[in-house]
Amino acid sequence: MTYRVYDYGRIGADGKPRELHIEKALEVTKPEPPSEKYGQPAPLIVSGAEYRPLCDCEYFITTKYDISDEFKFNVSDTFIHILVMDGEGDISGIPVKKGSSVFVPAGTGIINIKGECSLIITTINRRI
């Protein structure tokens, strides 16, 4: 089931704003992270960041990064999407804060992520 929680002010075929399903979406949302018993892996530590895989399916890979200083990310054969979940920082000269969303095209090369922030980075799964 899909619930519409925001619709950019679009108008339906009847000429009226389309229905939103905010209450239904809230009823089925679990805001807390999964417990360890469900296999949430321990974070991996690299220079300037900790990261934890969130999803690795047939189509995409999603990873949570907690940046503590400076972290370099290579954007080569696929685009990446970065969603800032908390904090603030700088992504290759672009200031970001909680709620910011950055799309980085394939072939960009090395991007520098600086600051103290939590990010969710999504890429296409190239193993298919």
N, C-alpha and C. Protein backbone atom coordinates (compact mmCIF):
# COMPACT_ATOMS: atom_id res chain seq x y z
N MET A 1 0.85 -1.17 0.00
CA MET A 1 0.00 0.00 0.00
C MET A 1 0.89 1.23 0.00
N THR A 2 0.53 2.21 -0.79
CA THR A 2 1.25 3.48 -0.85
C THR A 2 0.36 4.59 -0.31
N TYR A 3 0.93 5.42 0.57
CA TYR A 3 0.19 6.55 1.11
C TYR A 3 0.83 7.84 0.61
N ARG A 4 0.02 8.76 0.18
CA ARG A 4 0.50 10.06 -0.31
C ARG A 4 0.55 11.01 0.89
N VAL A 5 1.78 11.48 1.23
CA VAL A 5 1.92 12.38 2.36
C VAL A 5 2.24 13.81 1.91
N TYR A 6 2.59 13.99 0.65
CA TYR A 6 2.83 15.32 0.09
C TYR A 6 2.64 15.20 -1.41
N ASP A 7 2.06 16.22 -2.04
CA ASP A 7 1.77 16.10 -3.47
C ASP A 7 2.07 17.36 -4.27
N TYR A 8 2.91 18.25 -3.72
CA TYR A 8 3.36 19.43 -4.47
C TYR A 8 2.20 20.29 -4.99
N GLY A 9 1.04 20.25 -4.34
CA GLY A 9 -0.09 21.06 -4.77
C GLY A 9 -0.75 20.62 -6.06
N ARG A 10 -0.52 19.38 -6.47
CA ARG A 10 -1.09 18.88 -7.72
C ARG A 10 -2.61 18.79 -7.62
N ILE A 11 -3.24 18.92 -8.77
CA ILE A 11 -4.69 18.86 -8.87
C ILE A 11 -5.08 17.55 -9.56
N GLY A 12 -6.10 16.88 -9.02
CA GLY A 12 -6.58 15.63 -9.59
C GLY A 12 -7.44 15.87 -10.82
N ALA A 13 -7.90 14.79 -11.44
CA ALA A 13 -8.75 14.87 -12.63
C ALA A 13 -10.05 15.61 -12.37
N ASP A 14 -10.47 15.63 -11.10
CA ASP A 14 -11.71 16.32 -10.74
C ASP A 14 -11.52 17.81 -10.50
N GLY A 15 -10.29 18.31 -10.67
CA GLY A 15 -10.02 19.72 -10.48
C GLY A 15 -9.75 20.12 -9.05
N LYS A 16 -9.71 19.17 -8.12
CA LYS A 16 -9.47 19.43 -6.71
C LYS A 16 -8.11 18.88 -6.31
N PRO A 17 -7.53 19.42 -5.23
CA PRO A 17 -6.25 18.84 -4.75
C PRO A 17 -6.43 17.35 -4.43
N ARG A 18 -5.38 16.58 -4.77
CA ARG A 18 -5.46 15.14 -4.52
C ARG A 18 -5.40 14.86 -3.02
N GLU A 19 -6.07 13.79 -2.61
CA GLU A 19 -6.15 13.42 -1.20
C GLU A 19 -4.79 13.01 -0.66
N LEU A 20 -4.50 13.47 0.56
CA LEU A 20 -3.29 13.05 1.26
C LEU A 20 -3.68 12.02 2.31
N HIS A 21 -2.72 11.16 2.68
CA HIS A 21 -2.98 10.05 3.61
C HIS A 21 -2.04 10.15 4.81
N ILE A 22 -1.93 11.31 5.40
CA ILE A 22 -0.95 11.55 6.47
C ILE A 22 -1.22 10.67 7.68
N GLU A 23 -2.44 10.63 8.16
CA GLU A 23 -2.75 9.83 9.36
C GLU A 23 -2.48 8.35 9.13
N LYS A 24 -2.87 7.84 7.97
CA LYS A 24 -2.63 6.42 7.67
C LYS A 24 -1.14 6.12 7.61
N ALA A 25 -0.37 7.04 7.02
CA ALA A 25 1.08 6.85 6.93
C ALA A 25 1.71 6.83 8.32
N LEU A 26 1.27 7.73 9.20
CA LEU A 26 1.81 7.75 10.56
C LEU A 26 1.47 6.48 11.33
N GLU A 27 0.30 5.90 11.07
CA GLU A 27 -0.10 4.67 11.76
C GLU A 27 0.83 3.50 11.45
N VAL A 28 1.41 3.46 10.27
CA VAL A 28 2.25 2.32 9.88
C VAL A 28 3.75 2.63 9.91
N THR A 29 4.11 3.83 10.36
CA THR A 29 5.52 4.23 10.41
C THR A 29 6.15 3.79 11.72
N LYS A 30 7.33 3.21 11.61
CA LYS A 30 8.11 2.84 12.79
C LYS A 30 9.33 3.77 12.83
N PRO A 31 9.33 4.78 13.69
CA PRO A 31 10.41 5.76 13.69
C PRO A 31 11.71 5.27 14.33
N GLU A 32 11.67 4.18 15.08
CA GLU A 32 12.89 3.71 15.73
C GLU A 32 13.65 2.75 14.81
N PRO A 33 14.98 2.73 14.94
CA PRO A 33 15.76 1.80 14.12
C PRO A 33 15.51 0.36 14.54
N PRO A 34 15.79 -0.59 13.66
CA PRO A 34 15.59 -1.99 14.04
C PRO A 34 16.53 -2.38 15.17
N SER A 35 16.09 -3.31 15.99
CA SER A 35 16.93 -3.76 17.10
C SER A 35 18.01 -4.68 16.56
N GLU A 36 19.05 -4.87 17.38
CA GLU A 36 20.17 -5.73 17.00
C GLU A 36 19.71 -7.15 16.66
N LYS A 37 18.65 -7.63 17.31
CA LYS A 37 18.21 -9.00 17.07
C LYS A 37 17.75 -9.21 15.63
N TYR A 38 17.45 -8.13 14.92
CA TYR A 38 17.04 -8.26 13.53
C TYR A 38 18.22 -8.13 12.58
N GLY A 39 19.41 -8.16 13.11
CA GLY A 39 20.59 -8.23 12.26
C GLY A 39 21.17 -6.90 11.83
N GLN A 40 20.83 -5.81 12.52
CA GLN A 40 21.43 -4.54 12.15
C GLN A 40 22.93 -4.64 12.43
N PRO A 41 23.76 -4.46 11.41
CA PRO A 41 25.20 -4.65 11.59
C PRO A 41 25.84 -3.52 12.40
N ALA A 42 26.94 -3.84 13.02
CA ALA A 42 27.72 -2.82 13.73
C ALA A 42 28.31 -1.87 12.69
N PRO A 43 28.51 -0.61 13.07
CA PRO A 43 29.07 0.33 12.09
C PRO A 43 30.51 -0.04 11.76
N LEU A 44 30.90 0.26 10.53
CA LEU A 44 32.28 0.10 10.08
C LEU A 44 32.93 1.46 10.19
N ILE A 45 34.19 1.49 10.56
CA ILE A 45 34.87 2.75 10.80
C ILE A 45 35.95 2.96 9.75
N VAL A 46 35.91 4.13 9.12
CA VAL A 46 36.93 4.56 8.17
C VAL A 46 37.36 5.96 8.57
N SER A 47 38.41 6.46 7.97
CA SER A 47 38.90 7.79 8.31
C SER A 47 37.83 8.85 8.09
N GLY A 48 37.43 9.51 9.17
CA GLY A 48 36.47 10.60 9.08
C GLY A 48 35.01 10.20 9.15
N ALA A 49 34.72 8.88 9.23
CA ALA A 49 33.31 8.47 9.22
C ALA A 49 33.11 7.06 9.77
N GLU A 50 31.89 6.82 10.21
CA GLU A 50 31.41 5.46 10.49
C GLU A 50 30.30 5.22 9.48
N TYR A 51 30.17 4.00 9.01
CA TYR A 51 29.06 3.72 8.11
C TYR A 51 28.45 2.38 8.42
N ARG A 52 27.18 2.27 8.05
CA ARG A 52 26.40 1.08 8.36
C ARG A 52 25.49 0.80 7.17
N PRO A 53 25.60 -0.38 6.56
CA PRO A 53 24.68 -0.73 5.47
C PRO A 53 23.24 -0.78 5.99
N LEU A 54 22.32 -0.21 5.24
CA LEU A 54 20.91 -0.25 5.61
C LEU A 54 20.12 -1.20 4.72
N CYS A 55 20.40 -1.16 3.42
CA CYS A 55 19.66 -1.99 2.47
C CYS A 55 20.56 -2.33 1.29
N ASP A 56 20.55 -3.57 0.90
CA ASP A 56 21.31 -4.02 -0.26
C ASP A 56 20.40 -5.00 -1.00
N CYS A 57 19.66 -4.47 -1.97
CA CYS A 57 18.72 -5.32 -2.69
C CYS A 57 19.13 -5.41 -4.16
N GLU A 58 18.32 -6.01 -4.94
CA GLU A 58 18.59 -6.22 -6.35
C GLU A 58 18.81 -4.91 -7.11
N TYR A 59 18.16 -3.83 -6.67
CA TYR A 59 18.16 -2.59 -7.44
C TYR A 59 19.05 -1.49 -6.90
N PHE A 60 19.20 -1.38 -5.58
CA PHE A 60 19.98 -0.29 -5.02
C PHE A 60 20.63 -0.70 -3.71
N ILE A 61 21.58 0.14 -3.28
CA ILE A 61 22.28 -0.03 -2.01
C ILE A 61 22.14 1.28 -1.24
N THR A 62 21.72 1.18 0.02
CA THR A 62 21.56 2.36 0.87
C THR A 62 22.42 2.17 2.11
N THR A 63 23.22 3.20 2.42
CA THR A 63 24.15 3.14 3.54
C THR A 63 24.05 4.42 4.35
N LYS A 64 24.08 4.28 5.69
CA LYS A 64 24.08 5.45 6.57
C LYS A 64 25.51 5.78 6.94
N TYR A 65 25.89 7.03 6.77
CA TYR A 65 27.23 7.51 7.11
C TYR A 65 27.11 8.54 8.21
N ASP A 66 27.92 8.41 9.25
CA ASP A 66 28.04 9.42 10.29
C ASP A 66 29.42 10.06 10.10
N ILE A 67 29.40 11.27 9.57
CA ILE A 67 30.64 11.98 9.25
C ILE A 67 31.07 12.77 10.48
N SER A 68 32.34 12.63 10.88
CA SER A 68 32.84 13.33 12.06
C SER A 68 33.87 14.40 11.71
N ASP A 69 34.38 14.39 10.51
CA ASP A 69 35.41 15.35 10.12
C ASP A 69 35.36 15.55 8.61
N GLU A 70 36.17 14.78 7.89
CA GLU A 70 36.19 14.85 6.43
C GLU A 70 36.23 13.44 5.86
N PHE A 71 35.42 13.22 4.83
CA PHE A 71 35.31 11.90 4.22
C PHE A 71 35.29 12.07 2.71
N LYS A 72 36.00 11.23 2.01
CA LYS A 72 36.03 11.28 0.54
C LYS A 72 35.24 10.10 -0.01
N PHE A 73 34.44 10.37 -1.05
CA PHE A 73 33.58 9.36 -1.65
C PHE A 73 33.78 9.40 -3.15
N ASN A 74 34.04 8.25 -3.77
CA ASN A 74 34.28 8.20 -5.21
C ASN A 74 32.98 7.91 -5.96
N VAL A 75 32.55 8.85 -6.77
CA VAL A 75 31.34 8.70 -7.58
C VAL A 75 31.81 8.37 -8.99
N SER A 76 31.77 7.07 -9.34
CA SER A 76 32.33 6.68 -10.64
C SER A 76 31.26 6.24 -11.62
N ASP A 77 30.85 4.97 -11.58
CA ASP A 77 30.01 4.42 -12.65
C ASP A 77 28.51 4.54 -12.43
N THR A 78 28.08 5.13 -11.32
CA THR A 78 26.65 5.33 -11.07
C THR A 78 26.46 6.62 -10.28
N PHE A 79 25.30 7.22 -10.41
CA PHE A 79 24.99 8.40 -9.61
C PHE A 79 24.87 7.99 -8.15
N ILE A 80 24.89 8.99 -7.27
CA ILE A 80 24.53 8.75 -5.88
C ILE A 80 23.55 9.83 -5.44
N HIS A 81 22.73 9.48 -4.47
CA HIS A 81 21.83 10.44 -3.85
C HIS A 81 22.22 10.53 -2.39
N ILE A 82 22.38 11.76 -1.90
CA ILE A 82 22.75 11.99 -0.51
C ILE A 82 21.60 12.72 0.19
N LEU A 83 21.13 12.17 1.29
CA LEU A 83 20.09 12.80 2.10
C LEU A 83 20.70 13.08 3.47
N VAL A 84 20.70 14.35 3.88
CA VAL A 84 21.26 14.74 5.17
C VAL A 84 20.20 14.53 6.24
N MET A 85 20.46 13.59 7.13
CA MET A 85 19.51 13.23 8.18
C MET A 85 19.66 14.09 9.43
N ASP A 86 20.89 14.56 9.69
CA ASP A 86 21.13 15.35 10.89
C ASP A 86 22.44 16.11 10.72
N GLY A 87 22.58 17.21 11.45
CA GLY A 87 23.81 17.99 11.44
C GLY A 87 23.92 18.88 10.23
N GLU A 88 25.16 19.31 9.98
CA GLU A 88 25.42 20.15 8.82
C GLU A 88 26.85 19.95 8.37
N GLY A 89 27.10 20.34 7.14
CA GLY A 89 28.43 20.18 6.58
C GLY A 89 28.53 20.79 5.21
N ASP A 90 29.44 20.22 4.43
CA ASP A 90 29.75 20.74 3.10
C ASP A 90 30.05 19.55 2.21
N ILE A 91 29.40 19.49 1.06
CA ILE A 91 29.66 18.42 0.10
C ILE A 91 30.27 19.06 -1.14
N SER A 92 31.59 18.94 -1.26
CA SER A 92 32.34 19.54 -2.38
C SER A 92 31.92 20.98 -2.67
N GLY A 93 31.90 21.79 -1.61
CA GLY A 93 31.60 23.21 -1.77
C GLY A 93 30.14 23.57 -1.65
N ILE A 94 29.25 22.59 -1.50
CA ILE A 94 27.81 22.86 -1.35
C ILE A 94 27.46 22.74 0.13
N PRO A 95 27.04 23.84 0.78
CA PRO A 95 26.65 23.74 2.18
C PRO A 95 25.36 22.93 2.32
N VAL A 96 25.33 22.03 3.30
CA VAL A 96 24.15 21.20 3.53
C VAL A 96 23.82 21.18 5.00
N LYS A 97 22.54 20.91 5.30
CA LYS A 97 22.08 20.76 6.68
C LYS A 97 20.97 19.74 6.68
N LYS A 98 20.47 19.41 7.86
CA LYS A 98 19.40 18.43 8.01
C LYS A 98 18.27 18.73 7.02
N GLY A 99 17.90 17.71 6.24
CA GLY A 99 16.83 17.86 5.24
C GLY A 99 17.34 18.12 3.84
N SER A 100 18.62 18.48 3.70
CA SER A 100 19.17 18.73 2.36
C SER A 100 19.27 17.42 1.58
N SER A 101 19.11 17.54 0.28
CA SER A 101 19.19 16.39 -0.62
C SER A 101 20.09 16.78 -1.78
N VAL A 102 21.09 15.94 -2.06
CA VAL A 102 22.06 16.25 -3.12
C VAL A 102 22.14 15.06 -4.07
N PHE A 103 22.00 15.33 -5.36
CA PHE A 103 22.15 14.31 -6.40
C PHE A 103 23.50 14.54 -7.05
N VAL A 104 24.35 13.49 -7.07
CA VAL A 104 25.68 13.60 -7.65
C VAL A 104 25.73 12.71 -8.89
N PRO A 105 25.95 13.29 -10.08
CA PRO A 105 25.94 12.51 -11.31
C PRO A 105 27.09 11.50 -11.38
N ALA A 106 26.86 10.41 -12.11
CA ALA A 106 27.90 9.41 -12.35
C ALA A 106 29.09 10.08 -13.02
N GLY A 107 30.28 9.60 -12.69
CA GLY A 107 31.49 10.13 -13.31
C GLY A 107 32.03 11.38 -12.66
N THR A 108 31.42 11.84 -11.58
CA THR A 108 31.88 13.06 -10.91
C THR A 108 33.28 12.88 -10.34
N GLY A 109 33.61 11.67 -9.90
CA GLY A 109 34.91 11.43 -9.28
C GLY A 109 34.82 11.58 -7.77
N ILE A 110 35.91 12.02 -7.17
CA ILE A 110 35.98 12.14 -5.72
C ILE A 110 35.21 13.38 -5.25
N ILE A 111 34.30 13.17 -4.30
CA ILE A 111 33.65 14.29 -3.64
C ILE A 111 34.13 14.33 -2.19
N ASN A 112 34.25 15.52 -1.64
CA ASN A 112 34.68 15.71 -0.25
C ASN A 112 33.47 16.07 0.59
N ILE A 113 33.26 15.32 1.64
CA ILE A 113 32.18 15.59 2.58
C ILE A 113 32.83 16.01 3.89
N LYS A 114 32.54 17.23 4.34
CA LYS A 114 33.13 17.76 5.56
C LYS A 114 32.04 18.15 6.54
N GLY A 115 32.35 18.09 7.83
CA GLY A 115 31.42 18.54 8.85
C GLY A 115 31.09 17.46 9.84
N GLU A 116 30.05 17.70 10.59
CA GLU A 116 29.51 16.70 11.51
C GLU A 116 28.06 16.50 11.12
N CYS A 117 27.80 15.37 10.46
CA CYS A 117 26.45 15.13 9.95
C CYS A 117 26.22 13.64 9.75
N SER A 118 24.95 13.28 9.70
CA SER A 118 24.54 11.91 9.37
C SER A 118 23.88 11.95 8.00
N LEU A 119 24.31 11.05 7.13
CA LEU A 119 23.83 11.01 5.76
C LEU A 119 23.31 9.64 5.41
N ILE A 120 22.35 9.59 4.51
CA ILE A 120 21.98 8.34 3.87
C ILE A 120 22.36 8.48 2.41
N ILE A 121 23.22 7.58 1.96
CA ILE A 121 23.69 7.60 0.57
C ILE A 121 23.12 6.39 -0.15
N THR A 122 22.48 6.65 -1.29
CA THR A 122 21.86 5.59 -2.10
C THR A 122 22.52 5.55 -3.46
N THR A 123 22.86 4.33 -3.90
CA THR A 123 23.44 4.11 -5.23
C THR A 123 22.70 2.95 -5.90
N ILE A 124 22.86 2.88 -7.20
CA ILE A 124 22.32 1.73 -7.95
C ILE A 124 23.19 0.52 -7.63
N ASN A 125 22.58 -0.64 -7.49
CA ASN A 125 23.33 -1.87 -7.27
C ASN A 125 23.83 -2.37 -8.62
N ARG A 126 25.12 -2.33 -8.83
CA ARG A 126 25.73 -2.74 -10.11
C ARG A 126 26.00 -4.23 -10.18
N ARG A 127 25.63 -4.99 -9.14
CA ARG A 127 25.89 -6.43 -9.14
C ARG A 127 24.82 -7.21 -9.89
N ILE A 128 23.81 -6.55 -10.46
CA ILE A 128 22.76 -7.27 -11.18
C ILE A 128 23.19 -7.61 -12.58
